[in-house]
Amino acid sequence: MSMTKVLVGFVPWIVFSLVATRVGPGAVGVAAVLAFLVALGLVIRSVVRGESPKLLELAGAAVFLAFAVVALTAPVLDAVLASYGRAIAALVLALIIFALLPIMPFTEQYARESVPRQYWHTPEFRAVNRRISAAWGGVVAVMALGHAIAGTFEVPDPGAGLLHRPVDLVFNWVVPALLVWWAARYTQRVSAAAGSSTPAPARQSSPR
């Protein structure tokens, strides 16, 4: 499984966080529009390459389109979304990941690109991807909690640098970065263990 491709699927959420950090009139709406365009671009890229759009990409497009509509049509919610928009977006993503576990764990699409087709529908393949996807869902849920803490205890100040906004720095950036690092390492470890326990396809005997 390519960790780079998995992480690319989270880029719309990163874009949203980066832009929404600069709190101001309409900032959340702009952040949501940009995140939607990035997610849409990822979906289009997959289609152009002849691949099925990834569930993570489709979820990003749907979530941030909804965010953009709400933020741009209901300015009265701007202050709430500025403080808790990242938490809400992360929570929605976590719920989507968990909801997909019994249907198709979101990492399964990435894993299929490096696993022979004959293993795609085996219980072992599905179980490994459920474990990995559940770990990512838990990580995103903890991120949502961190974003909520930052929105509750930190007074937004677009003019101040991150070093002068310690709660924002820790809960919106440091904690998420560490969580993503752990999830990436966990994914690689579980994938490697599963790969080492999967029997190699039988080789055809060479004619003598």
C-alpha atoms as a PDB file:
ATOM      1  CA  MET A   1       0.000   0.000   0.000  1.00  0.00           C
ATOM      2  CA  SER A   2       1.372   3.387  -0.989  1.00  0.00           C
ATOM      3  CA  MET A   3       1.368   5.707   2.047  1.00  0.00           C
ATOM      4  CA  THR A   4       1.905   8.659  -0.260  1.00  0.00           C
ATOM      5  CA  LYS A   5      -1.391   7.972  -2.036  1.00  0.00           C
ATOM      6  CA  VAL A   6      -3.221   7.542   1.261  1.00  0.00           C
ATOM      7  CA  LEU A   7      -1.862  10.840   2.574  1.00  0.00           C
ATOM      8  CA  VAL A   8      -2.780  12.624  -0.666  1.00  0.00           C
ATOM      9  CA  GLY A   9      -6.392  11.678   0.047  1.00  0.00           C
ATOM     10  CA  PHE A  10      -6.222  13.801   3.210  1.00  0.00           C
ATOM     11  CA  VAL A  11      -4.904  16.893   1.396  1.00  0.00           C
ATOM     12  CA  PRO A  12      -8.356  18.584   1.155  1.00  0.00           C
ATOM     13  CA  TRP A  13      -8.645  18.471   4.958  1.00  0.00           C
ATOM     14  CA  ILE A  14      -5.136  19.916   5.284  1.00  0.00           C
ATOM     15  CA  VAL A  15      -5.990  22.721   2.861  1.00  0.00           C
ATOM     16  CA  PHE A  16      -9.154  23.471   4.826  1.00  0.00           C
ATOM     17  CA  SER A  17      -7.206  23.677   8.100  1.00  0.00           C
ATOM     18  CA  LEU A  18      -4.492  25.884   6.635  1.00  0.00           C
ATOM     19  CA  VAL A  19      -6.901  28.408   5.153  1.00  0.00           C
ATOM     20  CA  ALA A  20      -9.436  28.323   7.990  1.00  0.00           C
ATOM     21  CA  THR A  21      -6.627  29.144  10.435  1.00  0.00           C
ATOM     22  CA  ARG A  22      -6.547  32.647   9.032  1.00  0.00           C
ATOM     23  CA  VAL A  23      -9.745  33.614  10.769  1.00  0.00           C
ATOM     24  CA  GLY A  24     -11.687  36.493   9.275  1.00  0.00           C
ATOM     25  CA  PRO A  25     -14.936  37.316   7.483  1.00  0.00           C
ATOM     26  CA  GLY A  26     -15.717  34.505   5.066  1.00  0.00           C
ATOM     27  CA  ALA A  27     -12.493  32.620   5.824  1.00  0.00           C
ATOM     28  CA  VAL A  28     -14.249  29.317   6.457  1.00  0.00           C
ATOM     29  CA  GLY A  29     -16.278  29.613   3.252  1.00  0.00           C
ATOM     30  CA  VAL A  30     -13.138  30.287   1.240  1.00  0.00           C
ATOM     31  CA  ALA A  31     -11.344  27.397   2.959  1.00  0.00           C
ATOM     32  CA  ALA A  32     -14.243  25.055   2.177  1.00  0.00           C
ATOM     33  CA  VAL A  33     -14.361  26.113  -1.478  1.00  0.00           C
ATOM     34  CA  LEU A  34     -10.622  25.573  -1.902  1.00  0.00           C
ATOM     35  CA  ALA A  35     -10.790  22.189  -0.137  1.00  0.00           C
ATOM     36  CA  PHE A  36     -13.710  21.165  -2.370  1.00  0.00           C
ATOM     37  CA  LEU A  37     -11.772  22.134  -5.499  1.00  0.00           C
ATOM     38  CA  VAL A  38      -8.751  20.136  -4.340  1.00  0.00           C
ATOM     39  CA  ALA A  39     -10.922  17.090  -3.601  1.00  0.00           C
ATOM     40  CA  LEU A  40     -12.679  17.461  -6.958  1.00  0.00           C
ATOM     41  CA  GLY A  41      -9.284  17.694  -8.648  1.00  0.00           C
ATOM     42  CA  LEU A  42      -8.239  14.413  -7.013  1.00  0.00           C
ATOM     43  CA  VAL A  43     -11.447  12.734  -8.218  1.00  0.00           C
ATOM     44  CA  ILE A  44     -10.897  14.020 -11.765  1.00  0.00           C
ATOM     45  CA  ARG A  45      -7.275  12.871 -11.685  1.00  0.00           C
ATOM     46  CA  SER A  46      -8.368   9.347 -10.745  1.00  0.00           C
ATOM     47  CA  VAL A  47     -10.939   9.261 -13.548  1.00  0.00           C
ATOM     48  CA  VAL A  48      -8.431  10.553 -16.114  1.00  0.00           C
ATOM     49  CA  ARG A  49      -6.003   7.821 -15.062  1.00  0.00           C
ATOM     50  CA  GLY A  50      -8.693   5.215 -15.605  1.00  0.00           C
ATOM     51  CA  GLU A  51      -8.944   4.464 -11.883  1.00  0.00           C
ATOM     52  CA  SER A  52     -12.011   4.381  -9.676  1.00  0.00           C
ATOM     53  CA  PRO A  53     -12.223   7.565  -7.581  1.00  0.00           C
ATOM     54  CA  LYS A  54     -11.117   6.868  -4.049  1.00  0.00           C
ATOM     55  CA  LEU A  55     -13.768   6.945  -1.309  1.00  0.00           C
ATOM     56  CA  LEU A  56     -11.637   9.447   0.609  1.00  0.00           C
ATOM     57  CA  GLU A  57     -11.599  11.803  -2.376  1.00  0.00           C
ATOM     58  CA  LEU A  58     -15.364  11.525  -2.902  1.00  0.00           C
ATOM     59  CA  ALA A  59     -16.001  12.098   0.802  1.00  0.00           C
ATOM     60  CA  GLY A  60     -13.831  15.210   0.746  1.00  0.00           C
ATOM     61  CA  ALA A  61     -15.674  16.641  -2.248  1.00  0.00           C
ATOM     62  CA  ALA A  62     -19.087  16.008  -0.651  1.00  0.00           C
ATOM     63  CA  VAL A  63     -18.160  17.275   2.827  1.00  0.00           C
ATOM     64  CA  PHE A  64     -16.498  20.476   1.698  1.00  0.00           C
ATOM     65  CA  LEU A  65     -19.182  21.264  -0.861  1.00  0.00           C
ATOM     66  CA  ALA A  66     -21.693  21.099   1.990  1.00  0.00           C
ATOM     67  CA  PHE A  67     -19.413  23.220   4.183  1.00  0.00           C
ATOM     68  CA  ALA A  68     -19.015  25.824   1.459  1.00  0.00           C
ATOM     69  CA  VAL A  69     -22.773  26.088   0.914  1.00  0.00           C
ATOM     70  CA  VAL A  70     -23.455  26.487   4.651  1.00  0.00           C
ATOM     71  CA  ALA A  71     -20.610  28.932   5.255  1.00  0.00           C
ATOM     72  CA  LEU A  72     -21.388  31.136   2.267  1.00  0.00           C
ATOM     73  CA  THR A  73     -25.167  31.195   2.710  1.00  0.00           C
ATOM     74  CA  ALA A  74     -25.281  31.555   6.499  1.00  0.00           C
ATOM     75  CA  PRO A  75     -22.794  34.293   7.524  1.00  0.00           C
ATOM     76  CA  VAL A  76     -24.281  34.243  11.024  1.00  0.00           C
ATOM     77  CA  LEU A  77     -22.508  30.902  11.559  1.00  0.00           C
ATOM     78  CA  ASP A  78     -19.103  32.245  10.530  1.00  0.00           C
ATOM     79  CA  ALA A  79     -17.818  32.705  14.089  1.00  0.00           C
ATOM     80  CA  VAL A  80     -18.886  29.194  15.116  1.00  0.00           C
ATOM     81  CA  LEU A  81     -17.407  27.608  11.994  1.00  0.00           C
ATOM     82  CA  ALA A  82     -14.188  29.594  12.433  1.00  0.00           C
ATOM     83  CA  SER A  83     -13.721  28.067  15.889  1.00  0.00           C
ATOM     84  CA  TYR A  84     -15.134  24.598  15.306  1.00  0.00           C
ATOM     85  CA  GLY A  85     -15.126  24.090  11.527  1.00  0.00           C
ATOM     86  CA  ARG A  86     -11.974  21.960  11.596  1.00  0.00           C
ATOM     87  CA  ALA A  87     -13.348  19.869  14.454  1.00  0.00           C
ATOM     88  CA  ILE A  88     -16.643  19.313  12.628  1.00  0.00           C
ATOM     89  CA  ALA A  89     -14.875  18.408   9.355  1.00  0.00           C
ATOM     90  CA  ALA A  90     -12.587  15.932  11.133  1.00  0.00           C
ATOM     91  CA  LEU A  91     -15.492  14.398  13.054  1.00  0.00           C
ATOM     92  CA  VAL A  92     -17.492  13.927   9.845  1.00  0.00           C
ATOM     93  CA  LEU A  93     -14.479  12.261   8.218  1.00  0.00           C
ATOM     94  CA  ALA A  94     -14.039   9.924  11.201  1.00  0.00           C
ATOM     95  CA  LEU A  95     -17.717   8.953  11.042  1.00  0.00           C
ATOM     96  CA  ILE A  96     -17.423   8.278   7.295  1.00  0.00           C
ATOM     97  CA  ILE A  97     -14.357   6.069   7.839  1.00  0.00           C
ATOM     98  CA  PHE A  98     -16.103   4.074  10.575  1.00  0.00           C
ATOM     99  CA  ALA A  99     -19.324   3.796   8.545  1.00  0.00           C
ATOM    100  CA  LEU A 100     -17.364   2.329   5.614  1.00  0.00           C
ATOM    101  CA  LEU A 101     -15.667  -0.389   7.701  1.00  0.00           C
ATOM    102  CA  PRO A 102     -18.333  -3.096   7.166  1.00  0.00           C
ATOM    103  CA  ILE A 103     -18.796  -2.118   3.501  1.00  0.00           C
ATOM    104  CA  MET A 104     -15.329  -1.340   2.172  1.00  0.00           C
ATOM    105  CA  PRO A 105     -12.556  -0.027   4.458  1.00  0.00           C
ATOM    106  CA  PHE A 106     -11.220   3.088   2.744  1.00  0.00           C
ATOM    107  CA  THR A 107      -7.641   1.760   2.684  1.00  0.00           C
ATOM    108  CA  GLU A 108      -8.739  -1.268   0.671  1.00  0.00           C
ATOM    109  CA  GLN A 109      -8.753   0.737  -2.558  1.00  0.00           C
ATOM    110  CA  TYR A 110      -5.128   1.703  -2.007  1.00  0.00           C
ATOM    111  CA  ALA A 111      -4.127  -1.805  -0.946  1.00  0.00           C
ATOM    112  CA  ARG A 112      -5.599  -3.338  -4.094  1.00  0.00           C
ATOM    113  CA  GLU A 113      -3.051  -1.429  -6.157  1.00  0.00           C
ATOM    114  CA  SER A 114      -0.222  -3.521  -4.685  1.00  0.00           C
ATOM    115  CA  VAL A 115      -1.977  -6.808  -3.858  1.00  0.00           C
ATOM    116  CA  PRO A 116      -2.819  -9.456  -6.492  1.00  0.00           C
ATOM    117  CA  ARG A 117      -6.502  -9.569  -7.415  1.00  0.00           C
ATOM    118  CA  GLN A 118      -6.823 -13.139  -6.143  1.00  0.00           C
ATOM    119  CA  TYR A 119      -6.525 -11.885  -2.559  1.00  0.00           C
ATOM    120  CA  TRP A 120      -8.946  -8.941  -2.771  1.00  0.00           C
ATOM    121  CA  HIS A 121     -11.987 -10.803  -1.493  1.00  0.00           C
ATOM    122  CA  THR A 122     -10.316 -12.978   1.099  1.00  0.00           C
ATOM    123  CA  PRO A 123     -11.318 -12.555   4.767  1.00  0.00           C
ATOM    124  CA  GLU A 124      -7.681 -11.888   5.671  1.00  0.00           C
ATOM    125  CA  PHE A 125      -7.328  -9.012   3.205  1.00  0.00           C
ATOM    126  CA  ARG A 126     -10.564  -7.408   4.405  1.00  0.00           C
ATOM    127  CA  ALA A 127      -9.627  -7.899   8.077  1.00  0.00           C
ATOM    128  CA  VAL A 128      -6.229  -6.234   7.647  1.00  0.00           C
ATOM    129  CA  ASN A 129      -7.794  -3.246   5.926  1.00  0.00           C
ATOM    130  CA  ARG A 130     -10.474  -2.979   8.592  1.00  0.00           C
ATOM    131  CA  ARG A 131      -7.728  -2.781  11.221  1.00  0.00           C
ATOM    132  CA  ILE A 132      -5.808  -0.125   9.332  1.00  0.00           C
ATOM    133  CA  SER A 133      -8.892   1.913   8.425  1.00  0.00           C
ATOM    134  CA  ALA A 134     -10.201   1.719  12.004  1.00  0.00           C
ATOM    135  CA  ALA A 135      -6.841   3.037  13.236  1.00  0.00           C
ATOM    136  CA  TRP A 136      -7.098   5.988  10.847  1.00  0.00           C
ATOM    137  CA  GLY A 137     -10.678   6.587  11.936  1.00  0.00           C
ATOM    138  CA  GLY A 138      -9.565   6.685  15.566  1.00  0.00           C
ATOM    139  CA  VAL A 139      -6.731   9.058  14.718  1.00  0.00           C
ATOM    140  CA  VAL A 140      -9.067  11.426  12.869  1.00  0.00           C
ATOM    141  CA  ALA A 141     -11.547  11.294  15.771  1.00  0.00           C
ATOM    142  CA  VAL A 142      -8.787  12.299  18.210  1.00  0.00           C
ATOM    143  CA  MET A 143      -7.826  15.101  15.811  1.00  0.00           C
ATOM    144  CA  ALA A 144     -11.432  16.305  15.919  1.00  0.00           C
ATOM    145  CA  LEU A 145     -11.234  16.427  19.719  1.00  0.00           C
ATOM    146  CA  GLY A 146      -7.965  18.375  19.519  1.00  0.00           C
ATOM    147  CA  HIS A 147      -9.471  20.873  17.069  1.00  0.00           C
ATOM    148  CA  ALA A 148     -12.470  21.301  19.378  1.00  0.00           C
ATOM    149  CA  ILE A 149     -10.168  21.982  22.354  1.00  0.00           C
ATOM    150  CA  ALA A 150      -8.251  24.548  20.312  1.00  0.00           C
ATOM    151  CA  GLY A 151     -11.488  26.225  19.228  1.00  0.00           C
ATOM    152  CA  THR A 152     -12.746  26.357  22.817  1.00  0.00           C
ATOM    153  CA  PHE A 153      -9.694  27.631  24.655  1.00  0.00           C
ATOM    154  CA  GLU A 154      -7.790  29.658  22.110  1.00  0.00           C
ATOM    155  CA  VAL A 155      -8.885  33.162  21.186  1.00  0.00           C
ATOM    156  CA  PRO A 156      -8.459  33.469  17.387  1.00  0.00           C
ATOM    157  CA  ASP A 157      -5.934  36.109  16.397  1.00  0.00           C
ATOM    158  CA  PRO A 158      -5.013  36.075  12.702  1.00  0.00           C
ATOM    159  CA  GLY A 159      -2.272  38.631  13.310  1.00  0.00           C
ATOM    160  CA  ALA A 160      -0.372  36.482  15.784  1.00  0.00           C
ATOM    161  CA  GLY A 161       2.094  33.813  14.756  1.00  0.00           C
ATOM    162  CA  LEU A 162       1.593  30.182  15.750  1.00  0.00           C
ATOM    163  CA  LEU A 163       4.297  30.437  18.417  1.00  0.00           C
ATOM    164  CA  HIS A 164       2.182  33.085  20.143  1.00  0.00           C
ATOM    165  CA  ARG A 165      -0.914  30.863  19.972  1.00  0.00           C
ATOM    166  CA  PRO A 166       0.264  27.802  21.936  1.00  0.00           C
ATOM    167  CA  VAL A 167      -3.116  26.044  22.148  1.00  0.00           C
ATOM    168  CA  ASP A 168      -3.598  26.417  18.394  1.00  0.00           C
ATOM    169  CA  LEU A 169      -0.039  25.234  17.737  1.00  0.00           C
ATOM    170  CA  VAL A 170      -0.318  22.145  19.939  1.00  0.00           C
ATOM    171  CA  PHE A 171      -3.848  20.927  19.241  1.00  0.00           C
ATOM    172  CA  ASN A 172      -4.284  22.022  15.623  1.00  0.00           C
ATOM    173  CA  TRP A 173      -0.811  21.141  14.333  1.00  0.00           C
ATOM    174  CA  VAL A 174       1.574  19.264  16.640  1.00  0.00           C
ATOM    175  CA  VAL A 175      -0.919  16.660  17.863  1.00  0.00           C
ATOM    176  CA  PRO A 176      -2.367  15.993  14.358  1.00  0.00           C
ATOM    177  CA  ALA A 177       1.138  15.664  12.893  1.00  0.00           C
ATOM    178  CA  LEU A 178       2.125  13.116  15.549  1.00  0.00           C
ATOM    179  CA  LEU A 179      -1.111  11.198  15.062  1.00  0.00           C
ATOM    180  CA  VAL A 180      -0.624  11.022  11.295  1.00  0.00           C
ATOM    181  CA  TRP A 181       2.973   9.878  11.809  1.00  0.00           C
ATOM    182  CA  TRP A 182       1.776   7.097  14.145  1.00  0.00           C
ATOM    183  CA  ALA A 183      -1.012   6.036  11.752  1.00  0.00           C
ATOM    184  CA  ALA A 184       1.405   5.934   8.811  1.00  0.00           C
ATOM    185  CA  ARG A 185       3.875   3.790  10.777  1.00  0.00           C
ATOM    186  CA  TYR A 186       1.061   1.513  11.945  1.00  0.00           C
ATOM    187  CA  THR A 187      -0.189   1.129   8.362  1.00  0.00           C
ATOM    188  CA  GLN A 188       3.259   0.186   7.098  1.00  0.00           C
ATOM    189  CA  ARG A 189       3.841  -2.259   9.973  1.00  0.00           C
ATOM    190  CA  VAL A 190       0.496  -4.056   9.590  1.00  0.00           C
ATOM    191  CA  SER A 191       0.780  -4.109   5.787  1.00  0.00           C
ATOM    192  CA  ALA A 192       4.284  -5.561   5.973  1.00  0.00           C
ATOM    193  CA  ALA A 193       3.199  -8.219   8.468  1.00  0.00           C
ATOM    194  CA  ALA A 194       0.231  -9.168   6.292  1.00  0.00           C
ATOM    195  CA  GLY A 195       2.429  -9.303   3.191  1.00  0.00           C
ATOM    196  CA  SER A 196       4.954 -11.590   4.861  1.00  0.00           C
ATOM    197  CA  SER A 197       2.211 -14.014   5.902  1.00  0.00           C
ATOM    198  CA  THR A 198       0.555 -14.137   2.460  1.00  0.00           C
ATOM    199  CA  PRO A 199       1.677 -17.117   0.397  1.00  0.00           C
ATOM    200  CA  ALA A 200       3.335 -16.167  -2.850  1.00  0.00           C
ATOM    201  CA  PRO A 201       1.465 -17.151  -6.022  1.00  0.00           C
ATOM    202  CA  ALA A 202       2.515 -20.561  -7.251  1.00  0.00           C
ATOM    203  CA  ARG A 203       5.152 -20.356  -9.891  1.00  0.00           C
ATOM    204  CA  GLN A 204       4.663 -22.196 -13.117  1.00  0.00           C
ATOM    205  CA  SER A 205       7.159 -24.957 -13.694  1.00  0.00           C
ATOM    206  CA  SER A 206       9.653 -24.223 -16.414  1.00  0.00           C
ATOM    207  CA  PRO A 207       9.566 -26.663 -19.333  1.00  0.00           C
ATOM    208  CA  ARG A 208      12.488 -29.046 -19.306  1.00  0.00           C
END
